[in-house]
Amino acid sequence: MKSLSEIDTTSKRASRAIGYSWGISEEVGKNIRLLEMFGLPGVKNLNDFYKKKKDQQFENLNLISKDNKTAKSEFCPIIAGTSFLDQIKSLENLNEIKFEKIAYPLLFLPFVSRA
């Protein structure tokens, strides 16, 4: 079993290795640590997502709106999550925000919980 600090560091490095910026990688590390702290399979989901990301393109959700849909592939949970955190002040007045087709939604959950 790894410590939460090791989970954070390993997740951060894996995110950087797959191509995310250091800032986004930092957020991923915090999120996976949070999931694992509550007994949720954060490391497994991140690993599965990164394996799938090598072969499949995911849609980037850069601007969050009231209704977020895509006709193309699934949304990347990491880009959607960081966009959500970055735009939280402009989203505060919305009573409901809908998301459809987010890949690995468990990876998106910590972004929402931290907002």
Protein backbone atom coordinates (compact mmCIF):
# COMPACT_ATOMS: atom_id res chain seq x y z
CA MET A 1 0.00 0.00 0.00
CA LYS A 2 1.30 3.45 -0.89
CA SER A 3 1.02 6.52 1.28
CA LEU A 4 -1.21 9.38 0.18
CA SER A 5 1.91 11.45 -0.49
CA GLU A 6 3.27 8.75 -2.82
CA ILE A 7 -0.10 8.54 -4.59
CA ASP A 8 -0.11 12.32 -5.09
CA THR A 9 3.47 12.38 -6.41
CA THR A 10 3.07 9.36 -8.69
CA SER A 11 -0.21 10.66 -10.13
CA LYS A 12 1.36 14.06 -10.73
CA ARG A 13 4.36 12.56 -12.55
CA ALA A 14 2.19 10.24 -14.64
CA SER A 15 0.03 13.19 -15.66
CA ARG A 16 3.06 15.18 -16.67
CA ALA A 17 4.46 12.21 -18.61
CA ILE A 18 1.26 11.83 -20.61
CA GLY A 19 1.42 15.48 -21.67
CA TYR A 20 -0.46 17.63 -19.18
CA SER A 21 1.12 20.85 -17.89
CA TRP A 22 2.62 20.96 -14.42
CA GLY A 23 -0.34 22.99 -13.15
CA ILE A 24 -2.91 20.48 -14.35
CA SER A 25 -0.71 17.63 -13.13
CA GLU A 26 -0.69 19.19 -9.65
CA GLU A 27 -4.50 19.24 -9.67
CA VAL A 28 -4.64 15.60 -10.76
CA GLY A 29 -2.30 14.59 -7.93
CA LYS A 30 -4.51 16.32 -5.35
CA ASN A 31 -7.63 14.74 -6.80
CA ILE A 32 -6.34 11.17 -6.90
CA ARG A 33 -5.09 11.57 -3.35
CA LEU A 34 -8.57 12.76 -2.32
CA LEU A 35 -10.30 9.82 -4.00
CA GLU A 36 -7.96 7.29 -2.42
CA MET A 37 -8.34 8.94 0.99
CA PHE A 38 -12.07 8.16 0.81
CA GLY A 39 -11.48 4.59 -0.35
CA LEU A 40 -12.40 5.21 -4.00
CA PRO A 41 -10.31 3.67 -6.81
CA GLY A 42 -8.61 6.84 -8.01
CA VAL A 43 -5.30 5.26 -9.04
CA LYS A 44 -7.03 2.47 -10.97
CA ASN A 45 -9.32 4.91 -12.82
CA LEU A 46 -6.44 7.25 -13.64
CA ASN A 47 -4.35 4.36 -14.93
CA ASP A 48 -7.23 3.04 -17.06
CA PHE A 49 -7.93 6.54 -18.41
CA TYR A 50 -4.30 7.13 -19.37
CA LYS A 51 -4.12 3.76 -21.14
CA LYS A 52 -7.27 4.61 -23.09
CA LYS A 53 -6.01 8.15 -23.81
CA LYS A 54 -3.08 6.73 -25.80
CA ASP A 55 -5.47 5.23 -28.36
CA GLN A 56 -8.50 7.52 -28.21
CA GLN A 57 -9.03 11.25 -28.63
CA PHE A 58 -11.14 12.94 -25.97
CA GLU A 59 -13.03 16.19 -26.45
CA ASN A 60 -11.73 19.14 -24.41
CA LEU A 61 -14.44 21.03 -22.55
CA ASN A 62 -12.84 24.44 -22.13
CA LEU A 63 -15.95 26.59 -21.64
CA ILE A 64 -18.49 25.28 -19.14
CA SER A 65 -22.12 26.18 -19.80
CA LYS A 66 -25.49 25.23 -18.34
CA ASP A 67 -25.79 22.24 -20.69
CA ASN A 68 -22.55 20.53 -21.74
CA LYS A 69 -22.97 18.01 -24.56
CA THR A 70 -20.79 16.68 -27.34
CA ALA A 71 -21.71 14.85 -30.52
CA LYS A 72 -18.13 13.67 -30.83
CA SER A 73 -16.17 11.54 -28.38
CA GLU A 74 -16.39 11.74 -24.60
CA PHE A 75 -15.14 14.76 -22.68
CA CYS A 76 -11.75 14.50 -20.99
CA PRO A 77 -12.51 14.52 -17.24
CA ILE A 78 -9.27 16.32 -16.39
CA ILE A 79 -9.69 19.23 -18.81
CA ALA A 80 -13.40 19.48 -17.94
CA GLY A 81 -12.52 19.50 -14.24
CA THR A 82 -9.83 22.15 -14.45
CA SER A 83 -12.12 24.28 -16.62
CA PHE A 84 -14.84 23.88 -14.00
CA LEU A 85 -12.50 25.06 -11.23
CA ASP A 86 -11.19 27.95 -13.32
CA GLN A 87 -14.71 29.19 -14.16
CA ILE A 88 -16.44 28.57 -10.83
CA LYS A 89 -17.08 32.27 -10.15
CA SER A 90 -19.02 32.66 -13.41
CA LEU A 91 -20.95 29.43 -12.74
CA GLU A 92 -22.10 30.28 -9.20
CA ASN A 93 -25.43 31.74 -10.33
CA LEU A 94 -26.50 28.61 -12.21
CA ASN A 95 -28.89 26.37 -10.28
CA GLU A 96 -28.08 23.35 -12.40
CA ILE A 97 -25.23 22.36 -14.71
CA LYS A 98 -25.57 19.28 -16.91
CA PHE A 99 -22.72 17.18 -18.26
CA GLU A 100 -23.07 14.36 -20.75
CA LYS A 101 -20.45 11.91 -21.93
CA ILE A 102 -17.61 12.58 -19.50
CA ALA A 103 -15.08 9.77 -19.67
CA TYR A 104 -14.22 8.25 -16.29
CA PRO A 105 -16.61 10.46 -14.28
CA LEU A 106 -14.96 9.42 -11.01
CA LEU A 107 -11.92 11.47 -12.10
CA PHE A 108 -14.18 14.51 -12.58
CA LEU A 109 -15.81 14.22 -9.14
CA PRO A 110 -12.96 15.67 -7.00
CA PHE A 111 -12.87 18.81 -9.15
CA VAL A 112 -16.55 19.39 -8.37
CA SER A 113 -16.09 18.64 -4.67
CA ARG A 114 -13.25 21.17 -4.44
CA ALA A 115 -15.16 23.97 -6.18
